[in-house]
Amino acid sequence: MTALTIAVASGKGGTGKTSVAASLALAAPSAQYIDCDVETPNGHLFLHPEIRQRGEVRMRTPQIDADSCTLCGECAQACEFNALAVTRDKVLVFAELCHGCGVCSYVCRVEGAITEVQRGIGLLEMGESARAGEAPLQFAKGTLNIGETGSVGVIKAVKQYATHDGLRVLDAPAGTACPMVETVQGVDYCLLVTEPTPFGLHDLKLAVEVVRRLGVPCGVVLNRCDIGDDRVKDYCQAEEIPLLMEIPFERGLAEAYARGIPWVEARPEYRDRFQGLVRAIQEELDS
């Protein structure tokens, strides 16, 4: 199998996105799981990896030299994120709002008034999950530090470890904001997990719009397919979005999730189903 990068995303939380992502990675004979849901990573609860390497994610943050600064205010005016504020006697830096873009030091007219220092914003963890009779599943996870807002920086860092030569599964953050966009951007295919409810349909439409703007082909997995109504199916048909898999609402699957057991291990028949899902995605890309 040639390298294939699939992002598993969802317009809303609670659709079963991580369960699908973990099972998708486990079903492949050679795969890598990358948890990009850096604010609430939980893939490790299903995959139980042995962590073998850790690293810190750092971001550039401005540091003001009070002796050199003229309090002109141009740095604060240029900052799109309100991370700088000019008072009568100094410039305040709100590091938690800084995105590390460097525009403040670019516009500063006084040499040495603004320097950039590296500040830790998150943690990277890499390892592998043992699988009986198969090659270990490669694992990578990013975790944003508590109180930080720069999740995109951590996602960019953990995506750099998507180097496996087989299947790469990126578990994206829920929603359609910048973290989801950063995860999906540049992948081969986006798998959108939803549910047949009004909220599921509403947020699926938002996610489809984002993915299409990014130019990434997408398909849908309909979880708890036997509740709600048929409006999600009707929408997919009208928009010519492939409905690649339907998962019923079963107590056994819910119990497995509660115990941290991936579906492909709790129900052996689901291994074949998820292998078929990968083949269906490959066929979509080849057509």
Protein backbone atom coordinates (compact mmCIF):
# COMPACT_ATOMS: atom_id res chain seq x y z
CA MET A 1 0.00 0.00 0.00
CA THR A 2 1.30 3.43 -0.94
CA ALA A 3 1.29 6.24 1.61
CA LEU A 4 -2.24 7.50 2.26
CA THR A 5 -3.10 10.28 4.72
CA ILE A 6 -6.69 10.36 5.99
CA ALA A 7 -8.02 12.98 8.39
CA VAL A 8 -10.98 11.86 10.49
CA ALA A 9 -13.04 14.91 11.40
CA SER A 10 -16.52 15.89 12.53
CA GLY A 11 -18.53 19.07 12.58
CA LYS A 12 -19.57 18.44 16.19
CA GLY A 13 -18.24 16.55 19.17
CA GLY A 14 -19.59 13.24 20.37
CA THR A 15 -20.11 11.61 16.98
CA GLY A 16 -17.60 8.80 17.56
CA LYS A 17 -14.75 10.38 15.60
CA THR A 18 -11.93 9.00 17.74
CA SER A 19 -13.50 5.53 17.80
CA VAL A 20 -13.58 5.55 14.01
CA ALA A 21 -10.03 6.91 13.74
CA ALA A 22 -8.59 4.34 16.15
CA SER A 23 -10.37 1.42 14.48
CA LEU A 24 -9.35 2.64 11.04
CA ALA A 25 -5.69 2.68 12.05
CA LEU A 26 -5.86 -0.68 13.84
CA ALA A 27 -7.54 -2.41 10.90
CA ALA A 28 -4.67 -1.62 8.52
CA PRO A 29 -1.67 -3.99 8.44
CA SER A 30 0.71 -1.04 8.55
CA ALA A 31 -0.45 2.32 9.90
CA GLN A 32 0.25 5.38 12.00
CA TYR A 33 -2.23 7.15 14.28
CA ILE A 34 -1.65 10.84 14.95
CA ASP A 35 -3.81 12.57 17.57
CA CYS A 36 -4.24 16.18 16.42
CA ASP A 37 -7.04 16.88 18.89
CA VAL A 38 -4.43 18.61 21.02
CA GLU A 39 -6.81 20.31 23.46
CA THR A 40 -8.49 17.02 24.45
CA PRO A 41 -6.41 14.11 23.07
CA ASN A 42 -7.90 10.74 23.97
CA GLY A 43 -6.73 8.28 21.32
CA HIS A 44 -4.24 6.84 23.80
CA LEU A 45 -7.15 5.57 25.90
CA PHE A 46 -8.00 3.13 23.08
CA LEU A 47 -4.54 2.38 21.69
CA HIS A 48 -2.50 2.18 24.93
CA PRO A 49 0.81 3.13 23.31
CA GLU A 50 4.23 2.75 24.83
CA ILE A 51 5.67 6.27 24.71
CA ARG A 52 9.31 6.24 23.67
CA GLN A 53 10.03 9.85 22.87
CA ARG A 54 8.84 13.21 24.19
CA GLY A 55 9.50 16.74 23.05
CA GLU A 56 8.38 20.27 23.83
CA VAL A 57 6.54 22.48 21.35
CA ARG A 58 7.77 26.06 21.49
CA MET A 59 6.52 29.30 20.00
CA ARG A 60 8.14 32.69 19.45
CA THR A 61 6.91 35.35 21.87
CA PRO A 62 7.90 39.03 21.94
CA GLN A 63 9.98 40.45 24.76
CA ILE A 64 10.04 44.23 25.18
CA ASP A 65 13.17 46.14 26.18
CA ALA A 66 11.76 48.99 28.31
CA ASP A 67 14.92 51.07 27.92
CA SER A 68 14.77 51.01 24.12
CA CYS A 69 10.99 51.13 23.60
CA THR A 70 9.59 54.57 22.67
CA LEU A 71 5.96 53.57 23.39
CA CYS A 72 4.96 54.52 19.83
CA GLY A 73 2.28 51.80 19.84
CA GLU A 74 2.86 50.52 16.32
CA CYS A 75 3.43 46.98 17.55
CA ALA A 76 0.09 46.91 19.36
CA GLN A 77 -1.72 48.37 16.34
CA ALA A 78 -0.23 45.72 14.06
CA CYS A 79 -1.11 42.77 16.33
CA GLU A 80 -4.28 41.06 15.07
CA PHE A 81 -4.69 39.10 18.30
CA ASN A 82 -4.52 41.92 20.88
CA ALA A 83 -1.48 40.34 22.50
CA LEU A 84 0.15 43.74 23.09
CA ALA A 85 -1.14 46.79 24.93
CA VAL A 86 0.61 50.15 25.37
CA THR A 87 0.26 51.94 28.70
CA ARG A 88 1.77 55.27 29.76
CA ASP A 89 5.05 53.72 30.89
CA LYS A 90 5.40 50.30 29.24
CA VAL A 91 4.13 47.77 26.70
CA LEU A 92 2.24 44.83 28.17
CA VAL A 93 2.64 41.41 26.53
CA PHE A 94 -0.22 38.92 26.91
CA ALA A 95 1.71 35.79 25.97
CA GLU A 96 -1.35 33.52 26.02
CA LEU A 97 -2.87 35.55 23.16
CA CYS A 98 0.27 35.61 21.03
CA HIS A 99 0.30 33.50 17.84
CA GLY A 100 4.03 33.86 17.22
CA CYS A 101 3.59 35.57 13.85
CA GLY A 102 6.43 38.04 14.43
CA VAL A 103 4.64 41.08 13.00
CA CYS A 104 5.37 43.17 16.11
CA SER A 105 9.14 42.87 15.71
CA TYR A 106 8.76 43.47 11.96
CA VAL A 107 7.00 46.83 12.33
CA CYS A 108 9.12 48.04 15.27
CA ARG A 109 11.32 50.96 14.20
CA VAL A 110 13.72 50.82 17.15
CA GLU A 111 16.44 48.21 16.85
CA GLY A 112 16.53 45.92 19.86
CA ALA A 113 13.26 47.16 21.36
CA ILE A 114 11.53 43.86 20.59
CA THR A 115 13.27 40.50 20.68
CA GLU A 116 11.65 37.09 20.37
CA VAL A 117 12.04 34.34 22.96
CA GLN A 118 10.93 30.73 22.77
CA ARG A 119 8.07 29.76 25.06
CA GLY A 120 6.79 26.21 25.64
CA ILE A 121 3.14 25.74 24.64
CA GLY A 122 2.71 22.00 24.37
CA LEU A 123 4.04 18.47 24.51
CA LEU A 124 4.71 15.90 21.79
CA GLU A 125 4.70 12.17 22.56
CA MET A 126 5.69 9.44 20.13
CA GLY A 127 5.62 5.68 20.49
CA GLU A 128 3.85 2.57 19.29
CA SER A 129 1.01 0.23 20.19
CA ALA A 130 1.65 -3.51 20.15
CA ARG A 131 -0.66 -5.62 17.97
CA ALA A 132 -0.79 -9.41 18.11
CA GLY A 133 0.55 -10.95 14.92
CA GLU A 134 0.95 -7.58 13.17
CA ALA A 135 3.43 -4.75 12.95
CA PRO A 136 3.13 -2.27 15.85
CA LEU A 137 0.87 0.71 15.26
CA GLN A 138 2.94 3.89 15.15
CA PHE A 139 1.56 6.57 17.47
CA ALA A 140 2.03 10.31 17.87
CA LYS A 141 0.14 12.76 20.06
CA GLY A 142 0.19 16.49 20.70
CA THR A 143 -1.05 18.05 23.93
CA LEU A 144 -1.59 21.77 24.39
CA ASN A 145 -0.46 23.12 27.76
CA ILE A 146 -3.24 24.17 30.13
CA GLY A 147 -4.06 27.84 29.75
CA GLU A 148 -2.55 28.13 26.27
CA THR A 149 -4.52 28.98 23.14
CA GLY A 150 -2.00 28.19 20.39
CA SER A 151 -3.37 24.78 19.45
CA VAL A 152 -2.54 25.30 15.77
CA GLY A 153 1.17 25.47 16.61
CA VAL A 154 1.01 22.12 18.41
CA ILE A 155 -0.95 20.55 15.53
CA LYS A 156 1.64 21.75 13.02
CA ALA A 157 4.37 20.21 15.16
CA VAL A 158 2.72 16.81 15.56
CA LYS A 159 1.80 16.63 11.86
CA GLN A 160 5.50 16.71 11.05
CA TYR A 161 5.64 13.16 12.39
CA ALA A 162 3.19 11.91 9.75
CA THR A 163 5.98 10.13 7.89
CA HIS A 164 4.78 6.53 7.85
CA ASP A 165 4.93 4.89 4.41
CA GLY A 166 1.54 3.19 4.81
CA LEU A 167 -1.75 4.49 6.17
CA ARG A 168 -1.62 7.70 8.23
CA VAL A 169 -4.72 8.50 10.26
CA LEU A 170 -5.03 12.02 11.65
CA ASP A 171 -7.61 12.39 14.43
CA ALA A 172 -8.81 15.98 13.98
CA PRO A 173 -10.35 18.28 16.59
CA ALA A 174 -14.14 18.52 16.52
CA GLY A 175 -15.72 21.57 14.90
CA THR A 176 -14.71 23.68 11.92
CA ALA A 177 -12.37 26.25 13.46
CA CYS A 178 -8.65 26.79 12.83
CA PRO A 179 -7.46 23.58 14.58
CA MET A 180 -9.66 21.42 12.33
CA VAL A 181 -8.57 23.38 9.25
CA GLU A 182 -4.87 22.94 10.12
CA THR A 183 -5.35 19.19 10.58
CA VAL A 184 -7.25 18.62 7.32
CA GLN A 185 -5.13 20.89 5.15
CA GLY A 186 -2.84 18.91 2.88
CA VAL A 187 -4.26 15.41 3.54
CA ASP A 188 -5.31 13.01 0.79
CA TYR A 189 -8.84 12.45 2.08
CA CYS A 190 -11.13 13.62 4.87
CA LEU A 191 -13.53 11.22 6.55
CA LEU A 192 -16.40 13.10 8.20
CA VAL A 193 -18.13 11.28 11.07
CA THR A 194 -21.66 12.39 11.84
CA GLU A 195 -24.98 11.20 13.25
CA PRO A 196 -28.56 11.35 11.88
CA THR A 197 -29.76 14.21 14.08
CA PRO A 198 -30.53 17.88 13.33
CA PHE A 199 -27.29 18.96 15.03
CA GLY A 200 -25.36 16.29 13.16
CA LEU A 201 -26.71 17.46 9.81
CA HIS A 202 -26.18 21.15 10.56
CA ASP A 203 -22.55 20.71 11.58
CA LEU A 204 -21.86 18.22 8.77
CA LYS A 205 -22.84 20.91 6.27
CA LEU A 206 -20.35 23.31 7.87
CA ALA A 207 -17.60 20.69 7.80
CA VAL A 208 -18.27 19.82 4.16
CA GLU A 209 -18.03 23.49 3.20
CA VAL A 210 -14.67 23.83 4.96
CA VAL A 211 -13.24 20.66 3.42
CA ARG A 212 -14.36 21.68 -0.06
CA ARG A 213 -12.75 25.09 0.31
CA LEU A 214 -9.53 23.31 1.22
CA GLY A 215 -9.83 21.20 -1.93
CA VAL A 216 -9.78 17.90 -0.04
CA PRO A 217 -12.10 15.06 -1.17
CA CYS A 218 -14.40 13.77 1.54
CA GLY A 219 -16.78 11.00 2.46
CA VAL A 220 -19.11 10.33 5.37
CA VAL A 221 -19.35 7.72 8.12
CA LEU A 222 -22.83 7.72 9.67
CA ASN A 223 -22.61 6.60 13.30
CA ARG A 224 -25.72 5.50 15.22
CA CYS A 225 -27.36 5.26 11.82
CA ASP A 226 -30.60 3.71 13.08
CA ILE A 227 -31.66 6.68 15.22
CA GLY A 228 -32.98 10.03 13.99
CA ASP A 229 -34.12 10.42 10.40
CA ASP A 230 -32.86 10.18 6.81
CA ARG A 231 -31.96 13.83 6.27
CA VAL A 232 -28.21 13.19 6.48
CA LYS A 233 -28.50 10.48 3.83
CA ASP A 234 -30.64 12.74 1.65
CA TYR A 235 -28.09 15.55 2.01
CA CYS A 236 -25.20 13.27 1.05
CA GLN A 237 -27.09 12.04 -1.99
CA ALA A 238 -28.02 15.56 -3.09
CA GLU A 239 -24.44 16.81 -2.65
CA GLU A 240 -22.91 13.67 -4.21
CA ILE A 241 -20.93 12.91 -1.06
CA PRO A 242 -20.18 9.19 -0.71
CA LEU A 243 -21.72 7.56 2.35
CA LEU A 244 -18.94 5.07 2.98
CA MET A 245 -20.03 3.35 6.17
CA GLU A 246 -23.01 3.10 8.50
CA ILE A 247 -22.59 2.03 12.13
CA PRO A 248 -25.71 1.04 14.11
CA PHE A 249 -26.56 2.15 17.62
CA GLU A 250 -25.61 -0.97 19.61
CA ARG A 251 -25.14 -1.42 23.33
CA GLY A 252 -22.09 -3.63 22.76
CA LEU A 253 -20.27 -0.88 20.87
CA ALA A 254 -21.15 1.66 23.55
CA GLU A 255 -19.86 -0.65 26.29
CA ALA A 256 -16.61 -1.21 24.37
CA TYR A 257 -16.16 2.54 24.04
CA ALA A 258 -16.75 3.04 27.78
CA ARG A 259 -14.07 0.45 28.55
CA GLY A 260 -11.55 1.88 26.10
CA ILE A 261 -11.78 -1.09 23.74
CA PRO A 262 -11.56 -0.28 20.01
CA TRP A 263 -14.46 -1.54 17.93
CA VAL A 264 -12.22 -3.73 15.76
CA GLU A 265 -11.15 -5.60 18.89
CA ALA A 266 -14.57 -5.77 20.53
CA ARG A 267 -16.28 -6.96 17.34
CA PRO A 268 -13.98 -8.88 14.96
CA GLU A 269 -16.33 -8.35 12.01
CA TYR A 270 -15.61 -4.64 12.23
CA ARG A 271 -12.00 -5.25 11.23
CA ASP A 272 -13.23 -6.37 7.81
CA ARG A 273 -15.59 -3.40 7.64
CA PHE A 274 -12.86 -0.87 8.37
CA GLN A 275 -10.50 -2.56 5.92
CA GLY A 276 -13.28 -2.20 3.37
CA LEU A 277 -13.56 1.47 4.33
CA VAL A 278 -9.89 2.05 3.46
CA ARG A 279 -10.38 0.28 0.13
CA ALA A 280 -13.45 2.41 -0.60
CA ILE A 281 -11.48 5.59 0.08
CA GLN A 282 -8.67 4.40 -2.17
CA GLU A 283 -11.18 3.69 -4.93
CA GLU A 284 -12.66 7.17 -4.50
CA LEU A 285 -9.22 8.70 -4.94
CA ASP A 286 -8.40 6.51 -7.95
CA SER A 287 -11.66 7.22 -9.76
